[in-house]
Amino acid sequence: KGSDAMQRELEPLEQDSYRQTLAERALPQLIFFAVEWSEPCRQMQEVMERLAGAYCATADFCSVDTDQQPLIAADFHITNVPTLVVWRQGEVLERIVGIRQPADLERSLSKYLK
């Protein structure tokens, strides 16, 4: 169970329900903004799924395909992908843009994953 070898799918957010979905949760939300056709996004998706498998008890891991959900991307002021937004109780706590090595990303996020 907490092995970082385990992968877990990210929960896709939908335009008509994402505000309610995020508002109902007490855990930090790690929202991954990406597009399917981008190799950097695919690489980061794998990293995010490994983190989701390891930390599913301490944070919620969500995804937004910015091609399919442009209004959510606009609400979060996403201009480049991949972008990871750490969100908690209506507030952006951190924004990480671009590719990160798994260990670096985990270090950056550790304060939210406790």
N, C-alpha and C. Protein backbone atom coordinates (compact mmCIF):
# COMPACT_ATOMS: atom_id res chain seq x y z
N LYS A 1 0.81 -1.21 0.00
CA LYS A 1 0.00 0.00 0.00
C LYS A 1 0.84 1.24 0.00
N GLY A 2 1.57 1.91 0.39
CA GLY A 2 2.26 3.18 0.28
C GLY A 2 3.46 3.12 -0.59
N SER A 3 3.62 2.04 -1.36
CA SER A 3 4.79 1.90 -2.23
C SER A 3 4.68 2.87 -3.39
N ASP A 4 5.79 3.57 -3.66
CA ASP A 4 5.72 4.53 -4.75
C ASP A 4 5.80 3.83 -6.10
N ALA A 5 5.93 2.50 -6.10
CA ALA A 5 5.88 1.76 -7.35
C ALA A 5 4.44 1.62 -7.82
N MET A 6 3.49 1.74 -6.87
CA MET A 6 2.08 1.66 -7.21
C MET A 6 1.65 2.92 -7.94
N GLN A 7 0.89 2.75 -9.01
CA GLN A 7 0.38 3.92 -9.71
C GLN A 7 -1.12 4.00 -9.49
N ARG A 8 -1.62 5.20 -9.52
CA ARG A 8 -3.04 5.42 -9.32
C ARG A 8 -3.49 6.47 -10.33
N GLU A 9 -4.60 6.20 -10.98
CA GLU A 9 -5.10 7.13 -11.98
C GLU A 9 -5.53 8.44 -11.32
N LEU A 10 -5.30 9.55 -12.02
CA LEU A 10 -5.72 10.86 -11.53
C LEU A 10 -7.20 11.04 -11.85
N GLU A 11 -7.91 11.71 -10.96
CA GLU A 11 -9.34 11.93 -11.15
C GLU A 11 -9.56 13.10 -12.11
N PRO A 12 -10.20 12.86 -13.26
CA PRO A 12 -10.42 13.96 -14.19
C PRO A 12 -11.47 14.93 -13.65
N LEU A 13 -11.20 16.22 -13.77
CA LEU A 13 -12.18 17.23 -13.37
C LEU A 13 -12.97 17.66 -14.60
N GLU A 14 -14.27 17.90 -14.40
CA GLU A 14 -15.17 18.30 -15.47
C GLU A 14 -15.67 19.71 -15.22
N GLN A 15 -15.88 20.45 -16.30
CA GLN A 15 -16.28 21.85 -16.21
C GLN A 15 -17.52 22.07 -15.34
N ASP A 16 -18.54 21.21 -15.49
CA ASP A 16 -19.80 21.47 -14.79
C ASP A 16 -19.77 21.13 -13.31
N SER A 17 -18.74 20.43 -12.84
CA SER A 17 -18.76 19.99 -11.45
C SER A 17 -17.47 20.26 -10.67
N TYR A 18 -16.45 20.81 -11.31
CA TYR A 18 -15.15 20.87 -10.63
C TYR A 18 -15.15 21.80 -9.42
N ARG A 19 -15.89 22.91 -9.48
CA ARG A 19 -15.89 23.83 -8.32
C ARG A 19 -16.46 23.14 -7.09
N GLN A 20 -17.55 22.40 -7.28
CA GLN A 20 -18.16 21.68 -6.16
C GLN A 20 -17.22 20.56 -5.68
N THR A 21 -16.62 19.84 -6.63
CA THR A 21 -15.70 18.75 -6.28
C THR A 21 -14.57 19.28 -5.41
N LEU A 22 -13.96 20.39 -5.81
CA LEU A 22 -12.84 20.94 -5.05
C LEU A 22 -13.29 21.52 -3.72
N ALA A 23 -14.46 22.14 -3.69
CA ALA A 23 -14.96 22.78 -2.47
C ALA A 23 -15.29 21.77 -1.38
N GLU A 24 -15.67 20.55 -1.78
CA GLU A 24 -16.11 19.54 -0.81
C GLU A 24 -14.96 18.85 -0.10
N ARG A 25 -13.74 19.09 -0.51
CA ARG A 25 -12.62 18.29 0.00
C ARG A 25 -11.75 19.07 0.97
N ALA A 26 -11.36 18.38 2.04
CA ALA A 26 -10.49 19.00 3.04
C ALA A 26 -9.01 18.80 2.72
N LEU A 27 -8.70 17.69 2.05
CA LEU A 27 -7.30 17.40 1.73
C LEU A 27 -6.80 18.37 0.67
N PRO A 28 -5.49 18.59 0.61
CA PRO A 28 -4.95 19.39 -0.50
C PRO A 28 -5.26 18.70 -1.83
N GLN A 29 -5.53 19.51 -2.85
CA GLN A 29 -5.79 19.01 -4.19
C GLN A 29 -4.56 19.27 -5.04
N LEU A 30 -4.03 18.25 -5.66
CA LEU A 30 -2.94 18.42 -6.62
C LEU A 30 -3.57 18.28 -8.00
N ILE A 31 -3.70 19.39 -8.70
CA ILE A 31 -4.41 19.42 -9.97
C ILE A 31 -3.38 19.51 -11.09
N PHE A 32 -3.35 18.48 -11.92
CA PHE A 32 -2.37 18.37 -12.99
C PHE A 32 -3.03 18.79 -14.31
N PHE A 33 -2.53 19.87 -14.90
CA PHE A 33 -3.04 20.39 -16.17
C PHE A 33 -2.11 19.93 -17.29
N ALA A 34 -2.69 19.31 -18.31
CA ALA A 34 -1.87 18.74 -19.38
C ALA A 34 -2.71 18.60 -20.64
N VAL A 35 -2.04 18.16 -21.73
CA VAL A 35 -2.73 17.78 -22.97
C VAL A 35 -2.22 16.41 -23.38
N GLU A 36 -3.08 15.62 -24.00
CA GLU A 36 -2.72 14.25 -24.36
C GLU A 36 -1.57 14.14 -25.33
N TRP A 37 -1.48 15.06 -26.27
CA TRP A 37 -0.52 14.93 -27.38
C TRP A 37 0.90 15.38 -27.03
N SER A 38 1.11 15.88 -25.82
CA SER A 38 2.42 16.43 -25.44
C SER A 38 3.27 15.38 -24.72
N GLU A 39 4.46 15.12 -25.24
CA GLU A 39 5.37 14.17 -24.60
C GLU A 39 5.75 14.61 -23.18
N PRO A 40 6.11 15.90 -22.95
CA PRO A 40 6.40 16.32 -21.57
C PRO A 40 5.22 16.09 -20.62
N CYS A 41 4.02 16.30 -21.12
CA CYS A 41 2.83 16.06 -20.28
C CYS A 41 2.69 14.58 -19.95
N ARG A 42 2.94 13.71 -20.95
CA ARG A 42 2.85 12.26 -20.70
C ARG A 42 3.89 11.82 -19.67
N GLN A 43 5.10 12.38 -19.76
CA GLN A 43 6.15 12.04 -18.79
C GLN A 43 5.73 12.46 -17.38
N MET A 44 5.21 13.66 -17.26
CA MET A 44 4.80 14.14 -15.93
C MET A 44 3.56 13.39 -15.43
N GLN A 45 2.70 12.96 -16.33
CA GLN A 45 1.51 12.18 -15.93
C GLN A 45 1.96 10.92 -15.20
N GLU A 46 2.98 10.24 -15.72
CA GLU A 46 3.49 9.03 -15.05
C GLU A 46 3.99 9.35 -13.65
N VAL A 47 4.72 10.44 -13.54
CA VAL A 47 5.24 10.86 -12.22
C VAL A 47 4.07 11.15 -11.28
N MET A 48 3.07 11.86 -11.77
CA MET A 48 1.91 12.20 -10.94
C MET A 48 1.15 10.95 -10.51
N GLU A 49 1.03 9.97 -11.40
CA GLU A 49 0.32 8.74 -11.04
C GLU A 49 1.08 7.95 -9.99
N ARG A 50 2.41 7.98 -10.05
CA ARG A 50 3.20 7.32 -8.98
C ARG A 50 3.01 8.04 -7.65
N LEU A 51 3.05 9.36 -7.67
CA LEU A 51 2.82 10.12 -6.43
C LEU A 51 1.42 9.87 -5.89
N ALA A 52 0.44 9.81 -6.78
CA ALA A 52 -0.94 9.55 -6.35
C ALA A 52 -1.05 8.19 -5.68
N GLY A 53 -0.33 7.20 -6.20
CA GLY A 53 -0.34 5.88 -5.57
C GLY A 53 0.28 5.91 -4.19
N ALA A 54 1.33 6.69 -4.03
CA ALA A 54 2.05 6.74 -2.76
C ALA A 54 1.35 7.61 -1.72
N TYR A 55 0.66 8.66 -2.16
CA TYR A 55 0.14 9.67 -1.22
C TYR A 55 -1.38 9.84 -1.29
N CYS A 56 -2.09 8.83 -1.75
CA CYS A 56 -3.54 8.97 -1.91
C CYS A 56 -4.26 9.22 -0.59
N ALA A 57 -3.64 8.89 0.54
CA ALA A 57 -4.30 9.12 1.83
C ALA A 57 -4.14 10.56 2.32
N THR A 58 -3.19 11.30 1.76
CA THR A 58 -2.91 12.64 2.29
C THR A 58 -3.22 13.77 1.31
N ALA A 59 -3.56 13.44 0.07
CA ALA A 59 -3.92 14.47 -0.92
C ALA A 59 -4.78 13.83 -1.99
N ASP A 60 -5.59 14.68 -2.64
CA ASP A 60 -6.37 14.23 -3.78
C ASP A 60 -5.64 14.64 -5.05
N PHE A 61 -5.55 13.75 -6.00
CA PHE A 61 -4.83 13.98 -7.25
C PHE A 61 -5.83 14.04 -8.39
N CYS A 62 -5.90 15.19 -9.04
CA CYS A 62 -6.86 15.41 -10.11
C CYS A 62 -6.13 15.81 -11.39
N SER A 63 -6.82 15.68 -12.50
CA SER A 63 -6.22 16.09 -13.78
C SER A 63 -7.22 16.89 -14.59
N VAL A 64 -6.66 17.76 -15.43
CA VAL A 64 -7.46 18.55 -16.36
C VAL A 64 -6.77 18.51 -17.71
N ASP A 65 -7.47 18.01 -18.72
CA ASP A 65 -6.98 18.09 -20.10
C ASP A 65 -7.38 19.47 -20.59
N THR A 66 -6.40 20.34 -20.80
CA THR A 66 -6.71 21.73 -21.12
C THR A 66 -7.34 21.89 -22.50
N ASP A 67 -7.15 20.92 -23.40
CA ASP A 67 -7.84 20.96 -24.69
C ASP A 67 -9.33 20.69 -24.51
N GLN A 68 -9.66 19.77 -23.62
CA GLN A 68 -11.06 19.38 -23.41
C GLN A 68 -11.78 20.27 -22.40
N GLN A 69 -11.01 20.86 -21.49
CA GLN A 69 -11.61 21.67 -20.42
C GLN A 69 -10.95 23.06 -20.37
N PRO A 70 -11.08 23.85 -21.45
CA PRO A 70 -10.38 25.14 -21.50
C PRO A 70 -10.86 26.14 -20.45
N LEU A 71 -12.10 26.04 -20.02
CA LEU A 71 -12.61 27.00 -19.04
C LEU A 71 -12.00 26.77 -17.66
N ILE A 72 -11.77 25.50 -17.32
CA ILE A 72 -11.09 25.22 -16.04
C ILE A 72 -9.67 25.76 -16.12
N ALA A 73 -8.98 25.51 -17.23
CA ALA A 73 -7.62 26.02 -17.41
C ALA A 73 -7.60 27.54 -17.29
N ALA A 74 -8.59 28.21 -17.88
CA ALA A 74 -8.66 29.67 -17.81
C ALA A 74 -8.88 30.14 -16.37
N ASP A 75 -9.75 29.43 -15.64
CA ASP A 75 -10.01 29.80 -14.23
C ASP A 75 -8.74 29.74 -13.39
N PHE A 76 -7.86 28.82 -13.72
CA PHE A 76 -6.61 28.66 -12.97
C PHE A 76 -5.44 29.39 -13.64
N HIS A 77 -5.72 30.17 -14.67
CA HIS A 77 -4.70 30.97 -15.37
C HIS A 77 -3.55 30.10 -15.88
N ILE A 78 -3.91 28.97 -16.49
CA ILE A 78 -2.90 28.06 -17.03
C ILE A 78 -2.50 28.55 -18.43
N THR A 79 -1.22 28.85 -18.62
CA THR A 79 -0.74 29.31 -19.92
C THR A 79 0.22 28.31 -20.55
N ASN A 80 0.82 27.44 -19.75
CA ASN A 80 1.73 26.41 -20.25
C ASN A 80 1.40 25.07 -19.60
N VAL A 81 1.65 24.01 -20.34
CA VAL A 81 1.49 22.66 -19.78
C VAL A 81 2.79 21.89 -20.00
N PRO A 82 3.12 20.95 -19.14
CA PRO A 82 2.37 20.58 -17.94
C PRO A 82 2.51 21.62 -16.82
N THR A 83 1.43 21.79 -16.07
CA THR A 83 1.43 22.64 -14.88
C THR A 83 0.73 21.88 -13.77
N LEU A 84 1.30 21.94 -12.59
CA LEU A 84 0.69 21.35 -11.40
C LEU A 84 0.32 22.48 -10.45
N VAL A 85 -0.94 22.49 -10.03
CA VAL A 85 -1.43 23.49 -9.08
C VAL A 85 -1.78 22.77 -7.78
N VAL A 86 -1.24 23.28 -6.68
CA VAL A 86 -1.61 22.77 -5.36
C VAL A 86 -2.69 23.71 -4.83
N TRP A 87 -3.84 23.15 -4.54
CA TRP A 87 -5.04 23.92 -4.19
C TRP A 87 -5.57 23.40 -2.87
N ARG A 88 -5.91 24.31 -1.98
CA ARG A 88 -6.53 23.88 -0.73
C ARG A 88 -7.49 24.95 -0.25
N GLN A 89 -8.71 24.53 -0.01
CA GLN A 89 -9.77 25.39 0.53
C GLN A 89 -9.85 26.72 -0.21
N GLY A 90 -9.91 26.63 -1.52
CA GLY A 90 -10.14 27.81 -2.34
C GLY A 90 -8.92 28.65 -2.65
N GLU A 91 -7.75 28.15 -2.36
CA GLU A 91 -6.53 28.95 -2.52
C GLU A 91 -5.45 28.16 -3.26
N VAL A 92 -4.77 28.83 -4.19
CA VAL A 92 -3.61 28.23 -4.85
C VAL A 92 -2.42 28.39 -3.91
N LEU A 93 -1.86 27.27 -3.46
CA LEU A 93 -0.72 27.29 -2.55
C LEU A 93 0.60 27.28 -3.30
N GLU A 94 0.60 26.61 -4.45
CA GLU A 94 1.83 26.52 -5.23
C GLU A 94 1.48 26.17 -6.66
N ARG A 95 2.35 26.60 -7.58
CA ARG A 95 2.19 26.33 -9.01
C ARG A 95 3.55 25.88 -9.53
N ILE A 96 3.58 24.71 -10.13
CA ILE A 96 4.83 24.14 -10.66
C ILE A 96 4.64 23.93 -12.15
N VAL A 97 5.44 24.61 -12.96
CA VAL A 97 5.30 24.56 -14.42
C VAL A 97 6.47 23.79 -15.02
N GLY A 98 6.15 22.89 -15.96
CA GLY A 98 7.20 22.17 -16.68
C GLY A 98 7.50 20.81 -16.08
N ILE A 99 8.50 20.17 -16.67
CA ILE A 99 8.89 18.82 -16.24
C ILE A 99 9.79 18.92 -15.01
N ARG A 100 9.55 18.03 -14.07
CA ARG A 100 10.41 17.91 -12.88
C ARG A 100 10.80 16.45 -12.72
N GLN A 101 11.99 16.24 -12.20
CA GLN A 101 12.39 14.89 -11.85
C GLN A 101 11.52 14.43 -10.68
N PRO A 102 11.18 13.13 -10.63
CA PRO A 102 10.29 12.65 -9.56
C PRO A 102 10.75 13.04 -8.15
N ALA A 103 12.03 12.89 -7.86
CA ALA A 103 12.51 13.20 -6.50
C ALA A 103 12.39 14.70 -6.21
N ASP A 104 12.67 15.54 -7.21
CA ASP A 104 12.55 16.99 -7.01
C ASP A 104 11.11 17.39 -6.77
N LEU A 105 10.21 16.80 -7.55
CA LEU A 105 8.79 17.12 -7.40
C LEU A 105 8.29 16.67 -6.04
N GLU A 106 8.68 15.48 -5.63
CA GLU A 106 8.25 14.96 -4.33
C GLU A 106 8.77 15.86 -3.20
N ARG A 107 10.01 16.33 -3.34
CA ARG A 107 10.58 17.24 -2.34
C ARG A 107 9.78 18.54 -2.29
N SER A 108 9.47 19.10 -3.46
CA SER A 108 8.70 20.35 -3.51
C SER A 108 7.31 20.20 -2.89
N LEU A 109 6.72 19.02 -3.07
CA LEU A 109 5.35 18.79 -2.61
C LEU A 109 5.27 18.23 -1.19
N SER A 110 6.39 17.86 -0.60
CA SER A 110 6.38 17.13 0.67
C SER A 110 5.60 17.86 1.76
N LYS A 111 5.67 19.18 1.79
CA LYS A 111 4.96 19.93 2.84
C LYS A 111 3.45 19.80 2.73
N TYR A 112 2.95 19.45 1.54
CA TYR A 112 1.49 19.28 1.37
C TYR A 112 1.05 17.85 1.52
N LEU A 113 2.00 16.91 1.55
CA LEU A 113 1.66 15.48 1.51
C LEU A 113 1.77 14.83 2.88
N LYS A 114 1.78 15.60 3.94
CA LYS A 114 1.93 15.05 5.29
C LYS A 114 0.60 14.66 5.86
